[in-house]
C-alpha atoms as a PDB file:
ATOM      1  CA  MET A   1    -133.328 -22.807 -21.920  1.00  0.00           C
ATOM      2  CA  SER A   2    -131.818 -21.600 -18.648  1.00  0.00           C
ATOM      3  CA  ASN A   3    -130.830 -18.027 -17.997  1.00  0.00           C
ATOM      4  CA  PRO A   4    -127.002 -17.759 -17.745  1.00  0.00           C
ATOM      5  CA  VAL A   5    -127.169 -14.385 -15.967  1.00  0.00           C
ATOM      6  CA  SER A   6    -128.933 -15.852 -12.938  1.00  0.00           C
ATOM      7  CA  LYS A   7    -126.254 -18.546 -12.563  1.00  0.00           C
ATOM      8  CA  THR A   8    -123.399 -16.063 -12.559  1.00  0.00           C
ATOM      9  CA  SER A   9    -125.117 -13.560 -10.293  1.00  0.00           C
ATOM     10  CA  VAL A  10    -125.145 -16.114  -7.465  1.00  0.00           C
ATOM     11  CA  VAL A  11    -121.360 -16.437  -7.634  1.00  0.00           C
ATOM     12  CA  TRP A  12    -120.614 -12.728  -7.083  1.00  0.00           C
ATOM     13  CA  PRO A  13    -121.153 -12.512  -3.300  1.00  0.00           C
ATOM     14  CA  SER A  14    -118.750 -15.379  -2.684  1.00  0.00           C
ATOM     15  CA  THR A  15    -116.235 -14.016  -5.153  1.00  0.00           C
ATOM     16  CA  LEU A  16    -116.448 -10.532  -3.668  1.00  0.00           C
ATOM     17  CA  GLY A  17    -115.919 -11.981  -0.191  1.00  0.00           C
ATOM     18  CA  ARG A  18    -112.824 -13.806  -1.381  1.00  0.00           C
ATOM     19  CA  ILE A  19    -111.460 -10.677  -3.048  1.00  0.00           C
ATOM     20  CA  VAL A  20    -111.950  -8.601   0.103  1.00  0.00           C
ATOM     21  CA  LEU A  21    -110.415 -11.316   2.280  1.00  0.00           C
ATOM     22  CA  ALA A  22    -107.496 -11.754  -0.121  1.00  0.00           C
ATOM     23  CA  VAL A  23    -106.677  -8.064  -0.505  1.00  0.00           C
ATOM     24  CA  ALA A  24    -107.499  -6.567   2.900  1.00  0.00           C
ATOM     25  CA  GLY A  25    -106.968  -9.706   4.956  1.00  0.00           C
ATOM     26  CA  GLY A  26    -103.780 -10.503   3.075  1.00  0.00           C
ATOM     27  CA  TYR A  27    -102.444  -7.029   3.753  1.00  0.00           C
ATOM     28  CA  LEU A  28    -103.230  -7.236   7.476  1.00  0.00           C
ATOM     29  CA  PHE A  29    -101.891 -10.781   7.741  1.00  0.00           C
ATOM     30  CA  THR A  30     -98.660  -9.839   5.967  1.00  0.00           C
ATOM     31  CA  TYR A  31     -98.322  -6.662   8.040  1.00  0.00           C
ATOM     32  CA  GLY A  32     -98.682  -8.615  11.277  1.00  0.00           C
ATOM     33  CA  PHE A  33     -96.449 -11.434  10.055  1.00  0.00           C
ATOM     34  CA  THR A  34     -93.705  -9.000   9.079  1.00  0.00           C
ATOM     35  CA  ALA A  35     -93.868  -7.153  12.394  1.00  0.00           C
ATOM     36  CA  ALA A  36     -93.898 -10.369  14.429  1.00  0.00           C
ATOM     37  CA  LEU A  37     -91.064 -11.920  12.441  1.00  0.00           C
ATOM     38  CA  ALA A  38     -88.946  -8.768  12.691  1.00  0.00           C
ATOM     39  CA  ARG A  39     -89.438  -8.802  16.461  1.00  0.00           C
ATOM     40  CA  LEU A  40     -88.750 -12.534  16.880  1.00  0.00           C
ATOM     41  CA  LEU A  41     -85.734 -13.005  14.603  1.00  0.00           C
ATOM     42  CA  PRO A  42     -82.489 -13.228  16.607  1.00  0.00           C
ATOM     43  CA  LEU A  43     -80.669 -10.651  14.478  1.00  0.00           C
ATOM     44  CA  GLU A  44     -79.826  -6.980  14.699  1.00  0.00           C
ATOM     45  CA  ARG A  45     -82.925  -4.797  14.378  1.00  0.00           C
ATOM     46  CA  VAL A  46     -82.106  -3.602  10.875  1.00  0.00           C
ATOM     47  CA  ASP A  47     -81.218  -7.078   9.605  1.00  0.00           C
ATOM     48  CA  ALA A  48     -84.360  -8.607  11.096  1.00  0.00           C
ATOM     49  CA  LEU A  49     -86.493  -5.873   9.547  1.00  0.00           C
ATOM     50  CA  ILE A  50     -84.960  -6.290   6.096  1.00  0.00           C
ATOM     51  CA  GLY A  51     -85.250 -10.081   6.229  1.00  0.00           C
ATOM     52  CA  ALA A  52     -88.872  -9.953   7.350  1.00  0.00           C
ATOM     53  CA  THR A  53     -89.735  -7.366   4.711  1.00  0.00           C
ATOM     54  CA  LEU A  54     -88.173  -9.390   1.920  1.00  0.00           C
ATOM     55  CA  LEU A  55     -90.135 -12.447   3.009  1.00  0.00           C
ATOM     56  CA  SER A  56     -93.369 -10.461   3.205  1.00  0.00           C
ATOM     57  CA  PHE A  57     -93.784 -10.372  -0.587  1.00  0.00           C
ATOM     58  CA  ALA A  58     -93.880 -14.165  -0.744  1.00  0.00           C
ATOM     59  CA  VAL A  59     -96.187 -14.345   2.290  1.00  0.00           C
ATOM     60  CA  TYR A  60     -98.704 -11.955   0.719  1.00  0.00           C
ATOM     61  CA  SER A  61     -98.690 -13.837  -2.601  1.00  0.00           C
ATOM     62  CA  GLY A  62     -99.113 -17.140  -0.802  1.00  0.00           C
ATOM     63  CA  PHE A  63    -101.992 -15.790   1.289  1.00  0.00           C
ATOM     64  CA  VAL A  64    -103.855 -14.540  -1.778  1.00  0.00           C
ATOM     65  CA  LEU A  65    -103.415 -17.878  -3.545  1.00  0.00           C
ATOM     66  CA  TRP A  66    -104.462 -19.756  -0.397  1.00  0.00           C
ATOM     67  CA  VAL A  67    -107.684 -17.734  -0.031  1.00  0.00           C
ATOM     68  CA  PHE A  68    -108.776 -18.629  -3.550  1.00  0.00           C
ATOM     69  CA  ALA A  69    -107.696 -22.274  -3.244  1.00  0.00           C
ATOM     70  CA  ARG A  70    -109.673 -23.039  -0.056  1.00  0.00           C
ATOM     71  CA  PRO A  71    -113.410 -22.868   0.585  1.00  0.00           C
ATOM     72  CA  LEU A  72    -114.294 -19.460   2.003  1.00  0.00           C
ATOM     73  CA  ARG A  73    -115.327 -20.781   5.412  1.00  0.00           C
ATOM     74  CA  ASN A  74    -112.005 -22.582   5.784  1.00  0.00           C
ATOM     75  CA  ALA A  75    -110.118 -19.429   4.832  1.00  0.00           C
ATOM     76  CA  LEU A  76    -111.771 -17.328   7.544  1.00  0.00           C
ATOM     77  CA  TRP A  77    -109.643 -18.893  10.308  1.00  0.00           C
ATOM     78  CA  ALA A  78    -106.840 -16.612   9.117  1.00  0.00           C
ATOM     79  CA  LEU A  79    -108.513 -13.657  10.861  1.00  0.00           C
ATOM     80  CA  PRO A  80    -107.762 -14.781  14.456  1.00  0.00           C
ATOM     81  CA  VAL A  81    -104.237 -15.741  13.387  1.00  0.00           C
ATOM     82  CA  THR A  82    -103.831 -12.248  11.937  1.00  0.00           C
ATOM     83  CA  LEU A  83    -104.895 -10.679  15.236  1.00  0.00           C
ATOM     84  CA  LEU A  84    -102.410 -12.874  17.093  1.00  0.00           C
ATOM     85  CA  LEU A  85     -99.580 -11.862  14.745  1.00  0.00           C
ATOM     86  CA  LEU A  86    -100.490  -8.193  15.152  1.00  0.00           C
ATOM     87  CA  LEU A  87    -100.423  -8.616  18.922  1.00  0.00           C
ATOM     88  CA  ILE A  88     -97.002 -10.274  18.813  1.00  0.00           C
ATOM     89  CA  GLY A  89     -95.597  -7.667  16.458  1.00  0.00           C
ATOM     90  CA  PHE A  90     -97.092  -4.527  17.966  1.00  0.00           C
ATOM     91  CA  GLY A  91     -98.205  -5.574  21.446  1.00  0.00           C
ATOM     92  CA  PRO A  92     -95.165  -4.178  23.274  1.00  0.00           C
ATOM     93  CA  GLN A  93     -95.733  -0.728  21.751  1.00  0.00           C
ATOM     94  CA  TRP A  94     -99.470  -0.832  22.408  1.00  0.00           C
ATOM     95  CA  LEU A  95     -99.255  -2.111  25.956  1.00  0.00           C
ATOM     96  CA  GLY A  96     -96.052  -0.747  27.390  1.00  0.00           C
ATOM     97  CA  GLY A  97     -94.441   1.783  25.139  1.00  0.00           C
ATOM     98  CA  VAL A  98     -91.431   1.384  22.905  1.00  0.00           C
ATOM     99  CA  GLN A  99     -88.510  -0.390  24.500  1.00  0.00           C
ATOM    100  CA  GLY A 100     -85.164  -0.065  22.869  1.00  0.00           C
END
């Protein structure tokens, strides 16, 4: 008879990696997406911020579902996309100061 504990213990590193990517990566991805969308929407600043923030809840939920639906190696490409979104959203403040 096989030992069921040894079969489940192999799954934990992959599951833990997915949880970390879903929670922390999802937060960073959504944060960057919201900042980039608020900057790129052709609306008043307040309207763009509210619209991007409202959409962020759906983006975060979709990211978490996507991480668990894809193989872990395929889900890791979201990290460079997250860095790009953060650069679009916050690059002007980081590189040249706030312009208003």
